[in-house]
């Protein structure tokens, strides 16, 4: 008897057929695949007759077969929009340009506004910050309402708003330049790609008025040497009357033009019974 180095039981010497099993069959004229039931030589195979796909499906159904059908989670409570979006407002910063035809100092005016979108009822409002002594009505520019988008009856929705776009409301074109942090977070969470923010435009005439006034100082042309040469030996003489209860004396006041100094002396006559004072 020959030894088997792999320690595998030798096959019976009486086997004469070593062909493979047939796995292709026909049914109703259609070919189909079937799993082999016998191995090489006609030996019976003791294996599972399920296909890999059927085994995977059975593995997925194992929790159901063990614990029964899973219970569906209860549906979430219905929350109306006016409750879910209560006090949630989107804010956009923008401006519009207004023509000034009757002014000689400015041809147009830039007016900054805040555009508010209320999520609870899809209404909008436009507010203009109040500038002191502006001379024009400011504050609530457009009251809260659903703003028409076009002539077909459509209204503006938050999906229509973005940075770096123009929107027309009642004939005025507003330029949206930026938004606040809550608005950016909300729009990005809804899958809207925001444009990069733009720089806010300021009114040139208002900025000019904020600048301090320029003061012009004229240099002095006073020259002491020129005064000495022009007014040397020139004296300005005045006669002064000093009124006292008893009498009215006269004085002489002289101003030296060279240095604008003055001297005063009495002009009383002799035997006037008054003291002569320089």
Protein backbone atom coordinates (compact mmCIF):
# COMPACT_ATOMS: atom_id res chain seq x y z
CA UNK A 1 0.00 0.00 0.00
CA UNK A 2 1.46 3.33 -1.07
CA UNK A 3 1.85 6.08 1.54
CA UNK A 4 0.10 9.45 1.12
CA UNK A 5 2.42 12.33 2.13
CA UNK A 6 -0.53 14.78 2.41
CA UNK A 7 -2.44 12.47 4.77
CA UNK A 8 -5.51 12.56 2.52
CA UNK A 9 -7.63 9.41 2.47
CA UNK A 10 -7.03 7.74 -0.85
CA UNK A 11 -9.90 7.55 -3.27
CA UNK A 12 -11.46 4.14 -3.86
CA UNK A 13 -9.70 2.24 -6.57
CA UNK A 14 -13.07 1.13 -7.96
CA UNK A 15 -13.95 4.65 -9.25
CA UNK A 16 -13.68 4.93 -12.96
CA UNK A 17 -15.58 8.21 -13.65
CA UNK A 18 -13.90 11.50 -12.78
CA UNK A 19 -15.96 13.99 -14.83
CA UNK A 20 -17.44 17.20 -13.44
CA UNK A 21 -21.13 17.55 -12.68
CA UNK A 22 -23.46 19.25 -15.13
CA UNK A 23 -24.62 22.72 -13.98
CA UNK A 24 -26.60 23.79 -17.05
CA UNK A 25 -30.19 22.75 -17.61
CA UNK A 26 -33.19 23.61 -19.76
CA UNK A 27 -36.76 24.26 -18.72
CA UNK A 28 -39.56 25.25 -21.06
CA UNK A 29 -36.97 25.94 -23.73
CA UNK A 30 -34.94 28.33 -21.55
CA UNK A 31 -31.45 27.62 -20.25
CA UNK A 32 -30.90 28.13 -16.51
CA UNK A 33 -28.09 27.52 -14.07
CA UNK A 34 -28.33 24.97 -11.26
CA UNK A 35 -26.02 24.18 -8.43
CA UNK A 36 -24.04 20.91 -8.60
CA UNK A 37 -25.17 18.13 -6.30
CA UNK A 38 -22.30 15.70 -6.97
CA UNK A 39 -18.61 16.28 -7.18
CA UNK A 40 -15.97 14.83 -9.46
CA UNK A 41 -16.45 11.09 -9.79
CA UNK A 42 -20.11 11.19 -8.80
CA UNK A 43 -19.47 11.69 -5.07
CA UNK A 44 -22.39 13.28 -3.24
CA UNK A 45 -21.79 16.87 -2.14
CA UNK A 46 -23.03 17.75 1.34
CA UNK A 47 -23.12 21.56 0.91
CA UNK A 48 -25.76 24.25 1.11
CA UNK A 49 -27.74 24.45 -2.09
CA UNK A 50 -28.32 28.22 -1.78
CA UNK A 51 -26.60 30.66 -4.10
CA UNK A 52 -24.32 33.42 -2.71
CA UNK A 53 -27.00 36.01 -3.48
CA UNK A 54 -29.58 33.98 -1.57
CA UNK A 55 -27.17 33.60 1.34
CA UNK A 56 -26.63 37.39 1.46
CA UNK A 57 -30.36 38.00 1.41
CA UNK A 58 -30.85 35.49 4.20
CA UNK A 59 -28.14 37.21 6.26
CA UNK A 60 -29.92 40.53 5.89
CA UNK A 61 -33.18 38.97 7.05
CA UNK A 62 -31.65 37.27 10.07
CA UNK A 63 -32.72 40.01 12.58
CA UNK A 64 -36.24 39.90 11.15
CA UNK A 65 -36.39 36.11 11.45
CA UNK A 66 -35.09 36.29 15.01
CA UNK A 67 -36.88 39.31 16.47
CA UNK A 68 -39.76 39.77 14.09
CA UNK A 69 -40.67 42.70 11.88
CA UNK A 70 -39.16 45.98 13.05
CA UNK A 71 -41.59 48.64 14.19
CA UNK A 72 -41.68 51.85 12.21
CA UNK A 73 -40.63 55.00 14.05
CA UNK A 74 -43.51 57.33 14.82
CA UNK A 75 -43.72 60.29 12.43
CA UNK A 76 -42.43 63.60 13.72
CA UNK A 77 -44.93 66.15 14.88
CA UNK A 78 -46.08 68.65 12.28
CA UNK A 79 -44.75 72.13 13.00
CA UNK A 80 -46.28 74.97 10.96
CA UNK A 81 -44.02 77.47 9.28
CA UNK A 82 -45.12 80.39 11.45
CA UNK A 83 -43.92 78.43 14.50
CA UNK A 84 -40.74 76.90 13.04
CA UNK A 85 -39.52 80.21 11.58
CA UNK A 86 -40.90 82.54 14.23
CA UNK A 87 -38.64 85.61 14.71
CA UNK A 88 -36.14 84.30 12.15
CA UNK A 89 -35.21 87.06 9.73
CA UNK A 90 -32.67 87.19 6.92
CA UNK A 91 -30.84 90.52 6.65
CA UNK A 92 -29.06 91.80 3.56
CA UNK A 93 -27.06 95.02 3.21
CA UNK A 94 -27.53 97.01 0.01
CA UNK A 95 -27.90 100.42 -1.57
CA UNK A 96 -29.56 102.18 -4.47
CA UNK A 97 -28.63 105.23 -6.53
CA UNK A 98 -30.97 108.21 -6.67
CA UNK A 99 -30.68 111.01 -9.23
CA UNK A 100 -30.50 114.61 -7.96
CA UNK A 101 -31.42 116.84 -10.93
CA UNK A 102 -31.91 120.16 -9.07
CA UNK A 103 -28.62 120.40 -7.16
CA UNK A 104 -25.41 121.99 -8.38
CA UNK A 105 -23.25 120.22 -5.79
CA UNK A 106 -24.32 116.62 -6.46
CA UNK A 107 -25.74 114.80 -9.48
CA UNK A 108 -26.67 111.55 -7.73
CA UNK A 109 -27.06 110.26 -4.20
CA UNK A 110 -26.15 106.84 -2.74
CA UNK A 111 -28.67 105.69 -0.14
CA UNK A 112 -27.78 102.64 1.96
CA UNK A 113 -30.59 100.31 3.02
CA UNK A 114 -31.16 97.09 4.94
CA UNK A 115 -33.32 94.43 3.23
CA UNK A 116 -35.13 92.12 5.66
CA UNK A 117 -36.76 88.79 4.71
CA UNK A 118 -39.16 87.23 7.24
CA UNK A 119 -39.13 83.43 6.95
CA UNK A 120 -42.43 82.87 8.73
CA UNK A 121 -44.59 84.38 5.96
CA UNK A 122 -42.11 85.18 3.11
CA UNK A 123 -42.65 88.91 3.56
CA UNK A 124 -39.97 91.58 3.10
CA UNK A 125 -39.26 95.12 4.22
CA UNK A 126 -36.65 97.74 3.35
CA UNK A 127 -35.26 100.03 6.05
CA UNK A 128 -32.96 103.02 5.60
CA UNK A 129 -30.74 104.13 8.50
CA UNK A 130 -31.62 107.61 9.74
CA UNK A 131 -29.02 110.30 9.04
CA UNK A 132 -29.29 113.46 11.11
CA UNK A 133 -30.12 116.65 9.20
CA UNK A 134 -30.37 114.79 5.89
CA UNK A 135 -33.44 116.73 4.75
CA UNK A 136 -35.09 113.65 3.19
CA UNK A 137 -37.60 111.15 4.65
CA UNK A 138 -35.77 108.13 6.09
CA UNK A 139 -36.46 105.10 8.26
CA UNK A 140 -39.06 102.65 6.94
CA UNK A 141 -38.54 102.81 3.17
CA UNK A 142 -40.86 99.90 2.21
CA UNK A 143 -43.22 98.48 4.81
CA UNK A 144 -43.40 94.74 5.49
CA UNK A 145 -45.28 92.91 2.75
CA UNK A 146 -44.85 90.27 0.06
CA UNK A 147 -42.97 92.07 -2.67
CA UNK A 148 -43.85 91.37 -6.32
CA UNK A 149 -41.07 89.88 -8.40
CA UNK A 150 -42.51 90.38 -11.89
CA UNK A 151 -45.72 91.18 -13.75
CA UNK A 152 -46.87 87.54 -13.70
CA UNK A 153 -47.84 87.61 -10.03
CA UNK A 154 -44.72 85.95 -8.61
CA UNK A 155 -43.24 87.16 -5.33
CA UNK A 156 -39.68 87.26 -4.08
CA UNK A 157 -38.51 84.15 -2.22
CA UNK A 158 -35.38 83.69 -0.13
CA UNK A 159 -34.01 81.50 -2.93
CA UNK A 160 -33.97 84.60 -5.16
CA UNK A 161 -31.68 86.57 -2.82
CA UNK A 162 -27.90 86.42 -2.89
CA UNK A 163 -24.88 88.63 -2.54
CA UNK A 164 -23.69 90.59 -5.56
CA UNK A 165 -27.05 90.74 -7.40
CA UNK A 166 -29.59 93.43 -8.30
CA UNK A 167 -33.26 93.21 -7.37
CA UNK A 168 -35.96 95.59 -8.58
CA UNK A 169 -38.69 96.58 -6.13
CA UNK A 170 -41.40 98.98 -7.25
CA UNK A 171 -39.21 100.48 -9.96
CA UNK A 172 -36.09 100.94 -7.82
CA UNK A 173 -33.05 98.75 -8.36
CA UNK A 174 -31.26 97.68 -5.18
CA UNK A 175 -27.75 96.23 -5.14
CA UNK A 176 -27.17 93.55 -2.47
CA UNK A 177 -23.55 93.59 -1.29
CA UNK A 178 -23.48 91.45 1.88
CA UNK A 179 -25.52 89.64 4.55
CA UNK A 180 -25.19 88.81 8.23
CA UNK A 181 -23.85 85.57 9.72
CA UNK A 182 -27.27 83.99 10.37
CA UNK A 183 -28.36 84.62 6.78
CA UNK A 184 -25.17 83.08 5.41
CA UNK A 185 -25.52 79.99 7.62
CA UNK A 186 -29.18 79.50 6.70
CA UNK A 187 -28.68 79.85 2.94
CA UNK A 188 -25.66 77.53 2.90
CA UNK A 189 -27.60 74.93 4.90
CA UNK A 190 -30.27 75.00 2.19
CA UNK A 191 -27.72 74.29 -0.54
CA UNK A 192 -27.40 77.83 -1.92
CA UNK A 193 -23.91 78.88 -2.98
CA UNK A 194 -23.35 82.48 -1.92
CA UNK A 195 -21.44 84.96 -4.02
CA UNK A 196 -18.45 86.71 -2.42
CA UNK A 197 -19.32 89.91 -0.52
CA UNK A 198 -18.84 93.29 -2.14
CA UNK A 199 -17.65 96.62 -0.74
CA UNK A 200 -20.37 99.00 0.41
CA UNK A 201 -20.66 102.20 -1.63
CA UNK A 202 -20.90 105.48 0.30
CA UNK A 203 -22.48 108.73 -0.80
CA UNK A 204 -19.68 111.03 -2.07
CA UNK A 205 -21.42 114.26 -1.02
CA UNK A 206 -22.08 112.99 2.51
CA UNK A 207 -18.48 111.85 2.86
CA UNK A 208 -17.32 115.27 1.65
CA UNK A 209 -19.38 117.00 4.33
CA UNK A 210 -17.87 114.78 7.02
CA UNK A 211 -14.38 116.01 6.20
CA UNK A 212 -13.07 118.89 8.38
CA UNK A 213 -13.08 122.33 6.81
CA UNK A 214 -9.78 123.52 5.42
CA UNK A 215 -8.44 126.63 7.11
CA UNK A 216 -6.34 129.05 5.10
CA UNK A 217 -3.74 131.16 6.98
CA UNK A 218 -2.37 134.17 5.12
CA UNK A 219 1.28 134.76 5.94
CA UNK A 220 1.97 138.12 7.60
CA UNK A 221 3.92 140.71 5.62
CA UNK A 222 4.89 142.76 8.72
CA UNK A 223 8.52 143.85 8.57
CA UNK A 224 10.13 145.87 11.38
CA UNK A 225 12.84 147.26 9.13
CA UNK A 226 10.24 148.37 6.62
CA UNK A 227 8.25 150.07 9.41
CA UNK A 228 11.39 151.85 10.67
CA UNK A 229 12.24 153.21 7.24
CA UNK A 230 8.68 154.21 6.42
CA UNK A 231 7.66 155.89 9.72
CA UNK A 232 10.96 157.27 11.05
CA UNK A 233 10.50 160.76 12.61
CA UNK A 234 6.76 160.64 11.95
CA UNK A 235 4.54 161.52 14.88
CA UNK A 236 0.75 161.47 15.13
CA UNK A 237 -0.61 164.33 17.31
CA UNK A 238 -4.02 164.48 19.09
CA UNK A 239 -5.57 167.12 21.36
CA UNK A 240 -7.42 165.51 24.22
CA UNK A 241 -10.06 167.07 26.47
CA UNK A 242 -10.27 165.69 30.01
CA UNK A 243 -13.51 166.76 31.72
CA UNK A 244 -13.44 167.40 35.49
CA UNK A 245 -16.12 168.97 37.67
CA UNK A 246 -14.31 172.27 38.29
CA UNK A 247 -12.58 172.78 34.98
CA UNK A 248 -11.80 171.12 31.69
CA UNK A 249 -8.06 170.84 30.98
CA UNK A 250 -6.54 170.04 27.60
CA UNK A 251 -3.87 167.46 26.94
CA UNK A 252 -1.69 166.65 23.99
CA UNK A 253 -1.21 162.96 23.03
CA UNK A 254 1.55 162.03 20.64
CA UNK A 255 2.06 158.60 18.99
CA UNK A 256 5.42 157.68 17.57
CA UNK A 257 4.65 155.90 14.29
CA UNK A 258 7.95 154.07 14.27
CA UNK A 259 7.00 151.84 17.21
CA UNK A 260 3.38 152.88 18.06
CA UNK A 261 4.29 154.27 21.51
CA UNK A 262 2.35 157.21 22.97
CA UNK A 263 3.05 160.13 25.35
CA UNK A 264 0.57 162.52 26.94
CA UNK A 265 1.33 166.04 28.27
CA UNK A 266 -0.72 168.91 29.68
CA UNK A 267 -1.37 172.01 27.58
CA UNK A 268 -2.43 174.40 30.41
CA UNK A 269 -1.52 178.10 30.11
CA UNK A 270 0.48 180.11 32.59
CA UNK A 271 -1.35 181.38 35.69
CA UNK A 272 -3.97 178.66 35.17
CA UNK A 273 -3.61 177.54 38.80
CA UNK A 274 -3.05 173.90 37.72
CA UNK A 275 -0.16 171.52 38.04
CA UNK A 276 1.81 170.81 34.90
CA UNK A 277 2.16 167.08 34.59
CA UNK A 278 4.01 165.37 31.81
